[in-house]
Amino acid sequence: MARVDPDDDSIQRWVVYHYRYDPDRSERRNVAVAAFDDPHEFHAELETRSAQLRAREESASDVDAAEHISGQIHQPGYRRLQQNARLLRRAIEHGVMPPHIEDLDLPLNVALSRAERSR
């Protein structure tokens, strides 16, 4: 059991996120800081990083009040499903219906429904 790539969409992975300011993107966001193929290592890393953040907060360090540590389990294929949902959303925003978009695998919280006017 070891650290894995958080973007490896072929495996189930437990990803640790640090919600903080990202200077590369000039915004606050969840930054993936570690990923594991074992839930025990994941929980240990969550505890370690949470304790480090609490220690920084208690030492009156310059810590953003919104900063926090969290985690998520990503199933194999998670990124592909999310990318398909973003593609569908962008198509709808632009008022287009690309061919075969109905064949996309979508996350469980996304659905595609078409309505046409009768002529």
PDB file of N, CA and C in Angstrom:
ATOM      1  N   MET A   1       0.842  -1.172   0.000  1.00  0.00           N
ATOM      2  CA  MET A   1       0.000   0.000   0.000  1.00  0.00           C
ATOM      3  C   MET A   1       0.892   1.242   0.000  1.00  0.00           C
ATOM      4  N   ALA A   2       0.513   2.197  -0.817  1.00  0.00           N
ATOM      5  CA  ALA A   2       1.362   3.380  -0.932  1.00  0.00           C
ATOM      6  C   ALA A   2       0.568   4.542  -1.485  1.00  0.00           C
ATOM      7  N   ARG A   3       1.275   5.642  -1.621  1.00  0.00           N
ATOM      8  CA  ARG A   3       0.679   6.800  -2.281  1.00  0.00           C
ATOM      9  C   ARG A   3       0.481   6.480  -3.752  1.00  0.00           C
ATOM     10  N   VAL A   4      -0.566   7.058  -4.303  1.00  0.00           N
ATOM     11  CA  VAL A   4      -0.854   6.868  -5.721  1.00  0.00           C
ATOM     12  C   VAL A   4      -1.108   8.234  -6.341  1.00  0.00           C
ATOM     13  N   ASP A   5      -1.186   8.260  -7.639  1.00  0.00           N
ATOM     14  CA  ASP A   5      -1.475   9.491  -8.369  1.00  0.00           C
ATOM     15  C   ASP A   5      -2.959   9.817  -8.203  1.00  0.00           C
ATOM     16  N   PRO A   6      -3.303  11.017  -7.704  1.00  0.00           N
ATOM     17  CA  PRO A   6      -4.722  11.347  -7.538  1.00  0.00           C
ATOM     18  C   PRO A   6      -5.483  11.392  -8.859  1.00  0.00           C
ATOM     19  N   ASP A   7      -4.774  11.520  -9.970  1.00  0.00           N
ATOM     20  CA  ASP A   7      -5.414  11.591 -11.283  1.00  0.00           C
ATOM     21  C   ASP A   7      -5.479  10.240 -11.994  1.00  0.00           C
ATOM     22  N   ASP A   8      -4.999   9.168 -11.347  1.00  0.00           N
ATOM     23  CA  ASP A   8      -5.033   7.837 -11.960  1.00  0.00           C
ATOM     24  C   ASP A   8      -6.465   7.323 -11.926  1.00  0.00           C
ATOM     25  N   ASP A   9      -7.142   7.415 -13.049  1.00  0.00           N
ATOM     26  CA  ASP A   9      -8.566   7.096 -13.117  1.00  0.00           C
ATOM     27  C   ASP A   9      -8.841   5.599 -13.260  1.00  0.00           C
ATOM     28  N   SER A  10      -7.795   4.783 -13.234  1.00  0.00           N
ATOM     29  CA  SER A  10      -7.990   3.347 -13.419  1.00  0.00           C
ATOM     30  C   SER A  10      -8.160   2.597 -12.095  1.00  0.00           C
ATOM     31  N   ILE A  11      -7.955   3.296 -10.968  1.00  0.00           N
ATOM     32  CA  ILE A  11      -8.017   2.632  -9.662  1.00  0.00           C
ATOM     33  C   ILE A  11      -8.926   3.393  -8.704  1.00  0.00           C
ATOM     34  N   GLN A  12      -9.387   2.685  -7.666  1.00  0.00           N
ATOM     35  CA  GLN A  12     -10.086   3.363  -6.580  1.00  0.00           C
ATOM     36  C   GLN A  12      -9.022   4.031  -5.727  1.00  0.00           C
ATOM     37  N   ARG A  13      -9.259   5.293  -5.358  1.00  0.00           N
ATOM     38  CA  ARG A  13      -8.260   6.004  -4.583  1.00  0.00           C
ATOM     39  C   ARG A  13      -8.931   6.916  -3.567  1.00  0.00           C
ATOM     40  N   TRP A  14      -8.248   7.100  -2.450  1.00  0.00           N
ATOM     41  CA  TRP A  14      -8.694   7.984  -1.386  1.00  0.00           C
ATOM     42  C   TRP A  14      -7.825   9.234  -1.491  1.00  0.00           C
ATOM     43  N   VAL A  15      -8.454  10.380  -1.746  1.00  0.00           N
ATOM     44  CA  VAL A  15      -7.716  11.613  -2.024  1.00  0.00           C
ATOM     45  C   VAL A  15      -7.897  12.597  -0.871  1.00  0.00           C
ATOM     46  N   VAL A  16      -6.771  13.159  -0.406  1.00  0.00           N
ATOM     47  CA  VAL A  16      -6.768  14.170   0.648  1.00  0.00           C
ATOM     48  C   VAL A  16      -6.671  15.536  -0.017  1.00  0.00           C
ATOM     49  N   TYR A  17      -7.562  16.453   0.381  1.00  0.00           N
ATOM     50  CA  TYR A  17      -7.586  17.808  -0.166  1.00  0.00           C
ATOM     51  C   TYR A  17      -7.291  18.832   0.924  1.00  0.00           C
ATOM     52  N   HIS A  18      -6.603  19.896   0.525  1.00  0.00           N
ATOM     53  CA  HIS A  18      -6.368  21.043   1.400  1.00  0.00           C
ATOM     54  C   HIS A  18      -7.027  22.236   0.730  1.00  0.00           C
ATOM     55  N   TYR A  19      -8.088  22.747   1.352  1.00  0.00           N
ATOM     56  CA  TYR A  19      -8.768  23.930   0.808  1.00  0.00           C
ATOM     57  C   TYR A  19      -7.935  25.137   1.214  1.00  0.00           C
ATOM     58  N   ARG A  20      -7.363  25.810   0.219  1.00  0.00           N
ATOM     59  CA  ARG A  20      -6.467  26.932   0.486  1.00  0.00           C
ATOM     60  C   ARG A  20      -6.369  27.812  -0.748  1.00  0.00           C
ATOM     61  N   TYR A  21      -5.639  28.892  -0.593  1.00  0.00           N
ATOM     62  CA  TYR A  21      -5.391  29.782  -1.716  1.00  0.00           C
ATOM     63  C   TYR A  21      -4.365  29.121  -2.629  1.00  0.00           C
ATOM     64  N   ASP A  22      -4.669  29.068  -3.912  1.00  0.00           N
ATOM     65  CA  ASP A  22      -3.765  28.502  -4.913  1.00  0.00           C
ATOM     66  C   ASP A  22      -3.198  29.659  -5.730  1.00  0.00           C
ATOM     67  N   PRO A  23      -1.936  30.030  -5.499  1.00  0.00           N
ATOM     68  CA  PRO A  23      -1.364  31.177  -6.215  1.00  0.00           C
ATOM     69  C   PRO A  23      -1.264  30.961  -7.724  1.00  0.00           C
ATOM     70  N   ASP A  24      -1.173  29.712  -8.165  1.00  0.00           N
ATOM     71  CA  ASP A  24      -1.096  29.446  -9.607  1.00  0.00           C
ATOM     72  C   ASP A  24      -2.392  29.822 -10.313  1.00  0.00           C
ATOM     73  N   ARG A  25      -3.515  29.690  -9.615  1.00  0.00           N
ATOM     74  CA  ARG A  25      -4.814  29.986 -10.228  1.00  0.00           C
ATOM     75  C   ARG A  25      -5.470  31.233  -9.644  1.00  0.00           C
ATOM     76  N   SER A  26      -4.807  31.858  -8.676  1.00  0.00           N
ATOM     77  CA  SER A  26      -5.308  33.078  -8.022  1.00  0.00           C
ATOM     78  C   SER A  26      -6.719  32.899  -7.475  1.00  0.00           C
ATOM     79  N   GLU A  27      -6.936  31.773  -6.793  1.00  0.00           N
ATOM     80  CA  GLU A  27      -8.248  31.503  -6.198  1.00  0.00           C
ATOM     81  C   GLU A  27      -8.111  30.495  -5.068  1.00  0.00           C
ATOM     82  N   ARG A  28      -9.115  30.479  -4.189  1.00  0.00           N
ATOM     83  CA  ARG A  28      -9.177  29.432  -3.166  1.00  0.00           C
ATOM     84  C   ARG A  28      -9.837  28.218  -3.802  1.00  0.00           C
ATOM     85  N   ARG A  29      -9.278  27.052  -3.531  1.00  0.00           N
ATOM     86  CA  ARG A  29      -9.853  25.829  -4.080  1.00  0.00           C
ATOM     87  C   ARG A  29      -9.308  24.630  -3.324  1.00  0.00           C
ATOM     88  N   ASN A  30      -9.930  23.468  -3.552  1.00  0.00           N
ATOM     89  CA  ASN A  30      -9.422  22.223  -2.995  1.00  0.00           C
ATOM     90  C   ASN A  30      -8.220  21.786  -3.817  1.00  0.00           C
ATOM     91  N   VAL A  31      -7.075  21.675  -3.160  1.00  0.00           N
ATOM     92  CA  VAL A  31      -5.852  21.231  -3.812  1.00  0.00           C
ATOM     93  C   VAL A  31      -5.578  19.805  -3.353  1.00  0.00           C
ATOM     94  N   ALA A  32      -5.451  18.876  -4.288  1.00  0.00           N
ATOM     95  CA  ALA A  32      -5.130  17.488  -3.934  1.00  0.00           C
ATOM     96  C   ALA A  32      -3.691  17.446  -3.429  1.00  0.00           C
ATOM     97  N   VAL A  33      -3.509  17.009  -2.182  1.00  0.00           N
ATOM     98  CA  VAL A  33      -2.178  16.982  -1.587  1.00  0.00           C
ATOM     99  C   VAL A  33      -1.642  15.565  -1.417  1.00  0.00           C
ATOM    100  N   ALA A  34      -2.520  14.570  -1.450  1.00  0.00           N
ATOM    101  CA  ALA A  34      -2.078  13.178  -1.328  1.00  0.00           C
ATOM    102  C   ALA A  34      -3.209  12.263  -1.778  1.00  0.00           C
ATOM    103  N   ALA A  35      -2.834  11.073  -2.218  1.00  0.00           N
ATOM    104  CA  ALA A  35      -3.823  10.056  -2.589  1.00  0.00           C
ATOM    105  C   ALA A  35      -3.263   8.687  -2.221  1.00  0.00           C
ATOM    106  N   PHE A  36      -4.149   7.818  -1.784  1.00  0.00           N
ATOM    107  CA  PHE A  36      -3.737   6.496  -1.314  1.00  0.00           C
ATOM    108  C   PHE A  36      -4.654   5.423  -1.878  1.00  0.00           C
ATOM    109  N   ASP A  37      -4.131   4.202  -1.930  1.00  0.00           N
ATOM    110  CA  ASP A  37      -4.958   3.073  -2.344  1.00  0.00           C
ATOM    111  C   ASP A  37      -5.436   2.283  -1.125  1.00  0.00           C
ATOM    112  N   ASP A  38      -5.176   2.824   0.069  1.00  0.00           N
ATOM    113  CA  ASP A  38      -5.536   2.158   1.316  1.00  0.00           C
ATOM    114  C   ASP A  38      -6.269   3.143   2.232  1.00  0.00           C
ATOM    115  N   PRO A  39      -7.457   2.802   2.724  1.00  0.00           N
ATOM    116  CA  PRO A  39      -8.203   3.750   3.562  1.00  0.00           C
ATOM    117  C   PRO A  39      -7.519   4.073   4.888  1.00  0.00           C
ATOM    118  N   HIS A  40      -6.747   3.131   5.446  1.00  0.00           N
ATOM    119  CA  HIS A  40      -6.075   3.386   6.721  1.00  0.00           C
ATOM    120  C   HIS A  40      -5.006   4.466   6.563  1.00  0.00           C
ATOM    121  N   GLU A  41      -4.240   4.389   5.489  1.00  0.00           N
ATOM    122  CA  GLU A  41      -3.231   5.420   5.234  1.00  0.00           C
ATOM    123  C   GLU A  41      -3.903   6.762   4.962  1.00  0.00           C
ATOM    124  N   PHE A  42      -5.016   6.731   4.261  1.00  0.00           N
ATOM    125  CA  PHE A  42      -5.785   7.941   3.972  1.00  0.00           C
ATOM    126  C   PHE A  42      -6.212   8.624   5.270  1.00  0.00           C
ATOM    127  N   HIS A  43      -6.815   7.854   6.188  1.00  0.00           N
ATOM    128  CA  HIS A  43      -7.284   8.432   7.452  1.00  0.00           C
ATOM    129  C   HIS A  43      -6.114   8.936   8.300  1.00  0.00           C
ATOM    130  N   ALA A  44      -4.997   8.218   8.278  1.00  0.00           N
ATOM    131  CA  ALA A  44      -3.818   8.672   9.020  1.00  0.00           C
ATOM    132  C   ALA A  44      -3.313  10.003   8.464  1.00  0.00           C
ATOM    133  N   GLU A  45      -3.284  10.127   7.149  1.00  0.00           N
ATOM    134  CA  GLU A  45      -2.838  11.375   6.516  1.00  0.00           C
ATOM    135  C   GLU A  45      -3.809  12.515   6.824  1.00  0.00           C
ATOM    136  N   LEU A  46      -5.106  12.237   6.800  1.00  0.00           N
ATOM    137  CA  LEU A  46      -6.104  13.255   7.168  1.00  0.00           C
ATOM    138  C   LEU A  46      -5.851  13.771   8.580  1.00  0.00           C
ATOM    139  N   GLU A  47      -5.629  12.854   9.514  1.00  0.00           N
ATOM    140  CA  GLU A  47      -5.376  13.246  10.906  1.00  0.00           C
ATOM    141  C   GLU A  47      -4.097  14.062  11.026  1.00  0.00           C
ATOM    142  N   THR A  48      -3.038  13.624  10.356  1.00  0.00           N
ATOM    143  CA  THR A  48      -1.758  14.332  10.414  1.00  0.00           C
ATOM    144  C   THR A  48      -1.889  15.749   9.878  1.00  0.00           C
ATOM    145  N   ARG A  49      -2.474  15.890   8.707  1.00  0.00           N
ATOM    146  CA  ARG A  49      -2.612  17.222   8.099  1.00  0.00           C
ATOM    147  C   ARG A  49      -3.569  18.110   8.893  1.00  0.00           C
ATOM    148  N   SER A  50      -4.620  17.532   9.444  1.00  0.00           N
ATOM    149  CA  SER A  50      -5.545  18.313  10.272  1.00  0.00           C
ATOM    150  C   SER A  50      -4.844  18.815  11.528  1.00  0.00           C
ATOM    151  N   ALA A  51      -4.031  17.964  12.150  1.00  0.00           N
ATOM    152  CA  ALA A  51      -3.278  18.368  13.340  1.00  0.00           C
ATOM    153  C   ALA A  51      -2.284  19.477  12.996  1.00  0.00           C
ATOM    154  N   GLN A  52      -1.627  19.371  11.847  1.00  0.00           N
ATOM    155  CA  GLN A  52      -0.689  20.417  11.424  1.00  0.00           C
ATOM    156  C   GLN A  52      -1.413  21.744  11.221  1.00  0.00           C
ATOM    157  N   LEU A  53      -2.577  21.700  10.613  1.00  0.00           N
ATOM    158  CA  LEU A  53      -3.345  22.925  10.384  1.00  0.00           C
ATOM    159  C   LEU A  53      -3.803  23.525  11.716  1.00  0.00           C
ATOM    160  N   ARG A  54      -4.269  22.678  12.652  1.00  0.00           N
ATOM    161  CA  ARG A  54      -4.667  23.173  13.975  1.00  0.00           C
ATOM    162  C   ARG A  54      -3.489  23.815  14.689  1.00  0.00           C
ATOM    163  N   ALA A  55      -2.311  23.203  14.590  1.00  0.00           N
ATOM    164  CA  ALA A  55      -1.115  23.761  15.230  1.00  0.00           C
ATOM    165  C   ALA A  55      -0.773  25.125  14.635  1.00  0.00           C
ATOM    166  N   ARG A  56      -0.894  25.262  13.329  1.00  0.00           N
ATOM    167  CA  ARG A  56      -0.638  26.561  12.690  1.00  0.00           C
ATOM    168  C   ARG A  56      -1.641  27.601  13.161  1.00  0.00           C
ATOM    169  N   GLU A  57      -2.907  27.201  13.295  1.00  0.00           N
ATOM    170  CA  GLU A  57      -3.948  28.126  13.760  1.00  0.00           C
ATOM    171  C   GLU A  57      -3.680  28.571  15.193  1.00  0.00           C
ATOM    172  N   GLU A  58      -3.271  27.635  16.063  1.00  0.00           N
ATOM    173  CA  GLU A  58      -3.025  27.943  17.470  1.00  0.00           C
ATOM    174  C   GLU A  58      -1.774  28.780  17.674  1.00  0.00           C
ATOM    175  N   SER A  59      -0.824  28.691  16.766  1.00  0.00           N
ATOM    176  CA  SER A  59       0.415  29.462  16.906  1.00  0.00           C
ATOM    177  C   SER A  59       0.256  30.874  16.350  1.00  0.00           C
ATOM    178  N   ALA A  60      -0.981  31.263  16.074  1.00  0.00           N
ATOM    179  CA  ALA A  60      -1.289  32.599  15.539  1.00  0.00           C
ATOM    180  C   ALA A  60      -0.609  32.831  14.197  1.00  0.00           C
ATOM    181  N   SER A  61      -0.356  31.754  13.504  1.00  0.00           N
ATOM    182  CA  SER A  61       0.209  31.864  12.161  1.00  0.00           C
ATOM    183  C   SER A  61      -0.847  32.461  11.239  1.00  0.00           C
ATOM    184  N   ASP A  62      -0.419  32.955  10.116  1.00  0.00           N
ATOM    185  CA  ASP A  62      -1.341  33.574   9.166  1.00  0.00           C
ATOM    186  C   ASP A  62      -2.106  32.471   8.430  1.00  0.00           C
ATOM    187  N   VAL A  63      -3.216  32.027   9.037  1.00  0.00           N
ATOM    188  CA  VAL A  63      -4.035  30.958   8.465  1.00  0.00           C
ATOM    189  C   VAL A  63      -5.394  31.536   8.091  1.00  0.00           C
ATOM    190  N   ASP A  64      -5.812  31.287   6.873  1.00  0.00           N
ATOM    191  CA  ASP A  64      -7.126  31.723   6.407  1.00  0.00           C
ATOM    192  C   ASP A  64      -8.199  30.959   7.181  1.00  0.00           C
ATOM    193  N   ALA A  65      -9.238  31.653   7.624  1.00  0.00           N
ATOM    194  CA  ALA A  65     -10.307  31.020   8.405  1.00  0.00           C
ATOM    195  C   ALA A  65     -11.041  29.943   7.612  1.00  0.00           C
ATOM    196  N   ALA A  66     -11.050  30.054   6.292  1.00  0.00           N
ATOM    197  CA  ALA A  66     -11.753  29.075   5.455  1.00  0.00           C
ATOM    198  C   ALA A  66     -10.898  27.848   5.150  1.00  0.00           C
ATOM    199  N   GLU A  67      -9.634  27.902   5.498  1.00  0.00           N
ATOM    200  CA  GLU A  67      -8.722  26.797   5.187  1.00  0.00           C
ATOM    201  C   GLU A  67      -9.123  25.541   5.961  1.00  0.00           C
ATOM    202  N   HIS A  68      -9.142  24.389   5.289  1.00  0.00           N
ATOM    203  CA  HIS A  68      -9.465  23.132   5.958  1.00  0.00           C
ATOM    204  C   HIS A  68      -8.929  21.943   5.157  1.00  0.00           C
ATOM    205  N   ILE A  69      -8.934  20.795   5.817  1.00  0.00           N
ATOM    206  CA  ILE A  69      -8.485  19.536   5.221  1.00  0.00           C
ATOM    207  C   ILE A  69      -9.714  18.647   5.052  1.00  0.00           C
ATOM    208  N   SER A  70      -9.817  17.987   3.900  1.00  0.00           N
ATOM    209  CA  SER A  70     -10.940  17.079   3.658  1.00  0.00           C
ATOM    210  C   SER A  70     -10.463  15.925   2.782  1.00  0.00           C
ATOM    211  N   GLY A  71     -11.354  15.014   2.506  1.00  0.00           N
ATOM    212  CA  GLY A  71     -10.988  13.880   1.673  1.00  0.00           C
ATOM    213  C   GLY A  71     -12.186  13.321   0.941  1.00  0.00           C
ATOM    214  N   GLN A  72     -11.889  12.540  -0.081  1.00  0.00           N
ATOM    215  CA  GLN A  72     -12.938  11.964  -0.916  1.00  0.00           C
ATOM    216  C   GLN A  72     -12.448  10.640  -1.494  1.00  0.00           C
ATOM    217  N   ILE A  73     -13.380   9.718  -1.685  1.00  0.00           N
ATOM    218  CA  ILE A  73     -13.066   8.462  -2.359  1.00  0.00           C
ATOM    219  C   ILE A  73     -13.463   8.618  -3.816  1.00  0.00           C
ATOM    220  N   HIS A  74     -12.539   8.331  -4.707  1.00  0.00           N
ATOM    221  CA  HIS A  74     -12.832   8.383  -6.141  1.00  0.00           C
ATOM    222  C   HIS A  74     -12.804   6.966  -6.695  1.00  0.00           C
ATOM    223  N   GLN A  75     -13.901   6.578  -7.306  1.00  0.00           N
ATOM    224  CA  GLN A  75     -14.000   5.261  -7.925  1.00  0.00           C
ATOM    225  C   GLN A  75     -13.308   5.281  -9.285  1.00  0.00           C
ATOM    226  N   PRO A  76     -12.919   4.118  -9.814  1.00  0.00           N
ATOM    227  CA  PRO A  76     -12.358   4.092 -11.171  1.00  0.00           C
ATOM    228  C   PRO A  76     -13.350   4.716 -12.157  1.00  0.00           C
ATOM    229  N   GLY A  77     -12.853   5.570 -13.019  1.00  0.00           N
ATOM    230  CA  GLY A  77     -13.702   6.226 -14.008  1.00  0.00           C
ATOM    231  C   GLY A  77     -14.297   7.545 -13.551  1.00  0.00           C
ATOM    232  N   TYR A  78     -14.024   7.963 -12.317  1.00  0.00           N
ATOM    233  CA  TYR A  78     -14.600   9.190 -11.765  1.00  0.00           C
ATOM    234  C   TYR A  78     -14.278  10.412 -12.625  1.00  0.00           C
ATOM    235  N   ARG A  79     -13.014  10.591 -12.973  1.00  0.00           N
ATOM    236  CA  ARG A  79     -12.621  11.778 -13.754  1.00  0.00           C
ATOM    237  C   ARG A  79     -13.282  11.780 -15.129  1.00  0.00           C
ATOM    238  N   ARG A  80     -13.363  10.622 -15.761  1.00  0.00           N
ATOM    239  CA  ARG A  80     -13.998  10.535 -17.081  1.00  0.00           C
ATOM    240  C   ARG A  80     -15.465  10.952 -16.995  1.00  0.00           C
ATOM    241  N   LEU A  81     -16.164  10.483 -15.973  1.00  0.00           N
ATOM    242  CA  LEU A  81     -17.569  10.855 -15.805  1.00  0.00           C
ATOM    243  C   LEU A  81     -17.715  12.358 -15.568  1.00  0.00           C
ATOM    244  N   GLN A  82     -16.829  12.925 -14.757  1.00  0.00           N
ATOM    245  CA  GLN A  82     -16.888  14.364 -14.492  1.00  0.00           C
ATOM    246  C   GLN A  82     -16.596  15.166 -15.759  1.00  0.00           C
ATOM    247  N   GLN A  83     -15.639  14.698 -16.551  1.00  0.00           N
ATOM    248  CA  GLN A  83     -15.333  15.385 -17.815  1.00  0.00           C
ATOM    249  C   GLN A  83     -16.517  15.308 -18.773  1.00  0.00           C
ATOM    250  N   ASN A  84     -17.192  14.173 -18.812  1.00  0.00           N
ATOM    251  CA  ASN A  84     -18.385  14.046 -19.660  1.00  0.00           C
ATOM    252  C   ASN A  84     -19.478  15.012 -19.208  1.00  0.00           C
ATOM    253  N   ALA A  85     -19.658  15.160 -17.894  1.00  0.00           N
ATOM    254  CA  ALA A  85     -20.671  16.085 -17.375  1.00  0.00           C
ATOM    255  C   ALA A  85     -20.321  17.525 -17.741  1.00  0.00           C
ATOM    256  N   ARG A  86     -19.038  17.882 -17.662  1.00  0.00           N
ATOM    257  CA  ARG A  86     -18.622  19.240 -18.056  1.00  0.00           C
ATOM    258  C   ARG A  86     -18.842  19.466 -19.544  1.00  0.00           C
ATOM    259  N   LEU A  87     -18.567  18.458 -20.368  1.00  0.00           N
ATOM    260  CA  LEU A  87     -18.803  18.568 -21.809  1.00  0.00           C
ATOM    261  C   LEU A  87     -20.290  18.807 -22.085  1.00  0.00           C
ATOM    262  N   LEU A  88     -21.151  18.059 -21.424  1.00  0.00           N
ATOM    263  CA  LEU A  88     -22.592  18.227 -21.594  1.00  0.00           C
ATOM    264  C   LEU A  88     -23.035  19.625 -21.157  1.00  0.00           C
ATOM    265  N   ARG A  89     -22.539  20.083 -20.002  1.00  0.00           N
ATOM    266  CA  ARG A  89     -22.908  21.416 -19.510  1.00  0.00           C
ATOM    267  C   ARG A  89     -22.483  22.502 -20.492  1.00  0.00           C
ATOM    268  N   ARG A  90     -21.257  22.396 -21.015  1.00  0.00           N
ATOM    269  CA  ARG A  90     -20.781  23.407 -21.975  1.00  0.00           C
ATOM    270  C   ARG A  90     -21.597  23.367 -23.263  1.00  0.00           C
ATOM    271  N   ALA A  91     -21.983  22.182 -23.711  1.00  0.00           N
ATOM    272  CA  ALA A  91     -22.806  22.077 -24.925  1.00  0.00           C
ATOM    273  C   ALA A  91     -24.151  22.763 -24.711  1.00  0.00           C
ATOM    274  N   ILE A  92     -24.763  22.524 -23.561  1.00  0.00           N
ATOM    275  CA  ILE A  92     -26.054  23.145 -23.259  1.00  0.00           C
ATOM    276  C   ILE A  92     -25.907  24.660 -23.172  1.00  0.00           C
ATOM    277  N   GLU A  93     -24.846  25.130 -22.524  1.00  0.00           N
ATOM    278  CA  GLU A  93     -24.615  26.574 -22.411  1.00  0.00           C
ATOM    279  C   GLU A  93     -24.477  27.234 -23.777  1.00  0.00           C
ATOM    280  N   HIS A  94     -23.947  26.503 -24.741  1.00  0.00           N
ATOM    281  CA  HIS A  94     -23.752  27.046 -26.088  1.00  0.00           C
ATOM    282  C   HIS A  94     -24.919  26.736 -27.020  1.00  0.00           C
ATOM    283  N   GLY A  95     -25.921  26.044 -26.509  1.00  0.00           N
ATOM    284  CA  GLY A  95     -27.113  25.766 -27.296  1.00  0.00           C
ATOM    285  C   GLY A  95     -26.909  24.771 -28.420  1.00  0.00           C
ATOM    286  N   VAL A  96     -26.003  23.834 -28.223  1.00  0.00           N
ATOM    287  CA  VAL A  96     -25.749  22.827 -29.255  1.00  0.00           C
ATOM    288  C   VAL A  96     -25.992  21.430 -28.682  1.00  0.00           C
ATOM    289  N   MET A  97     -26.224  20.492 -29.575  1.00  0.00           N
ATOM    290  CA  MET A  97     -26.391  19.095 -29.184  1.00  0.00           C
ATOM    291  C   MET A  97     -25.490  18.264 -30.096  1.00  0.00           C
ATOM    292  N   PRO A  98     -24.226  18.040 -29.678  1.00  0.00           N
ATOM    293  CA  PRO A  98     -23.311  17.269 -30.515  1.00  0.00           C
ATOM    294  C   PRO A  98     -23.839  15.858 -30.762  1.00  0.00           C
ATOM    295  N   PRO A  99     -23.469  15.275 -31.897  1.00  0.00           N
ATOM    296  CA  PRO A  99     -23.910  13.902 -32.171  1.00  0.00           C
ATOM    297  C   PRO A  99     -23.353  12.936 -31.122  1.00  0.00           C
ATOM    298  N   HIS A 100     -24.124  11.963 -30.789  1.00  0.00           N
ATOM    299  CA  HIS A 100     -23.752  10.891 -29.856  1.00  0.00           C
ATOM    300  C   HIS A 100     -23.590  11.365 -28.415  1.00  0.00           C
ATOM    301  N   ILE A 101     -24.032  12.574 -28.093  1.00  0.00           N
ATOM    302  CA  ILE A 101     -23.908  13.030 -26.704  1.00  0.00           C
ATOM    303  C   ILE A 101     -24.791  12.195 -25.784  1.00  0.00           C
ATOM    304  N   GLU A 102     -25.859  11.609 -26.339  1.00  0.00           N
ATOM    305  CA  GLU A 102     -26.732  10.751 -25.532  1.00  0.00           C
ATOM    306  C   GLU A 102     -26.011   9.479 -25.084  1.00  0.00           C
ATOM    307  N   ASP A 103     -24.933   9.125 -25.777  1.00  0.00           N
ATOM    308  CA  ASP A 103     -24.202   7.900 -25.463  1.00  0.00           C
ATOM    309  C   ASP A 103     -23.153   8.086 -24.371  1.00  0.00           C
ATOM    310  N   LEU A 104     -22.958   9.318 -23.901  1.00  0.00           N
ATOM    311  CA  LEU A 104     -21.956   9.567 -22.865  1.00  0.00           C
ATOM    312  C   LEU A 104     -22.362   8.913 -21.548  1.00  0.00           C
ATOM    313  N   ASP A 105     -21.394   8.320 -20.871  1.00  0.00           N
ATOM    314  CA  ASP A 105     -21.621   7.872 -19.497  1.00  0.00           C
ATOM    315  C   ASP A 105     -21.566   9.114 -18.625  1.00  0.00           C
ATOM    316  N   LEU A 106     -22.564   9.287 -17.757  1.00  0.00           N
ATOM    317  CA  LEU A 106     -22.641  10.471 -16.911  1.00  0.00           C
ATOM    318  C   LEU A 106     -22.665  10.071 -15.440  1.00  0.00           C
ATOM    319  N   PRO A 107     -22.231  10.975 -14.551  1.00  0.00           N
ATOM    320  CA  PRO A 107     -22.336  10.696 -13.117  1.00  0.00           C
ATOM    321  C   PRO A 107     -23.801  10.501 -12.723  1.00  0.00           C
ATOM    322  N   LEU A 108     -24.024   9.873 -11.592  1.00  0.00           N
ATOM    323  CA  LEU A 108     -25.388   9.572 -11.158  1.00  0.00           C
ATOM    324  C   LEU A 108     -26.220  10.826 -10.901  1.00  0.00           C
ATOM    325  N   ASN A 109     -25.570  11.953 -10.614  1.00  0.00           N
ATOM    326  CA  ASN A 109     -26.317  13.174 -10.320  1.00  0.00           C
ATOM    327  C   ASN A 109     -26.561  14.037 -11.553  1.00  0.00           C
ATOM    328  N   VAL A 110     -26.289  13.513 -12.750  1.00  0.00           N
ATOM    329  CA  VAL A 110     -26.474  14.263 -13.999  1.00  0.00           C
ATOM    330  C   VAL A 110     -27.351  13.440 -14.934  1.00  0.00           C
ATOM    331  N   ALA A 111     -28.302  14.110 -15.563  1.00  0.00           N
ATOM    332  CA  ALA A 111     -29.181  13.431 -16.519  1.00  0.00           C
ATOM    333  C   ALA A 111     -29.339  14.295 -17.758  1.00  0.00           C
ATOM    334  N   LEU A 112     -29.641  13.662 -18.864  1.00  0.00           N
ATOM    335  CA  LEU A 112     -29.874  14.364 -20.120  1.00  0.00           C
ATOM    336  C   LEU A 112     -31.301  14.085 -20.551  1.00  0.00           C
ATOM    337  N   SER A 113     -32.034  15.143 -20.780  1.00  0.00           N
ATOM    338  CA  SER A 113     -33.417  15.025 -21.230  1.00  0.00           C
ATOM    339  C   SER A 113     -33.608  15.986 -22.392  1.00  0.00           C
ATOM    340  N   ARG A 114     -34.254  15.528 -23.452  1.00  0.00           N
ATOM    341  CA  ARG A 114     -34.490  16.385 -24.615  1.00  0.00           C
ATOM    342  C   ARG A 114     -35.977  16.654 -24.757  1.00  0.00           C
ATOM    343  N   ALA A 115     -36.286  17.873 -25.108  1.00  0.00           N
ATOM    344  CA  ALA A 115     -37.670  18.255 -25.391  1.00  0.00           C
ATOM    345  C   ALA A 115     -37.673  18.970 -26.730  1.00  0.00           C
ATOM    346  N   GLU A 116     -38.593  18.598 -27.573  1.00  0.00           N
ATOM    347  CA  GLU A 116     -38.698  19.239 -28.882  1.00  0.00           C
ATOM    348  C   GLU A 116     -40.096  19.805 -29.045  1.00  0.00           C
ATOM    349  N   ARG A 117     -40.182  20.896 -29.757  1.00  0.00           N
ATOM    350  CA  ARG A 117     -41.480  21.513 -30.034  1.00  0.00           C
ATOM    351  C   ARG A 117     -42.180  20.726 -31.133  1.00  0.00           C
ATOM    352  N   SER A 118     -43.471  20.565 -30.966  1.00  0.00           N
ATOM    353  CA  SER A 118     -44.228  19.921 -32.044  1.00  0.00           C
ATOM    354  C   SER A 118     -44.494  20.967 -33.120  1.00  0.00           C
ATOM    355  N   ARG A 119     -44.498  20.545 -34.339  1.00  0.00           N
ATOM    356  CA  ARG A 119     -44.647  21.504 -35.447  1.00  0.00           C
ATOM    357  C   ARG A 119     -45.989  21.406 -36.063  1.00  0.00           C
TER     358      ARG A 119
END
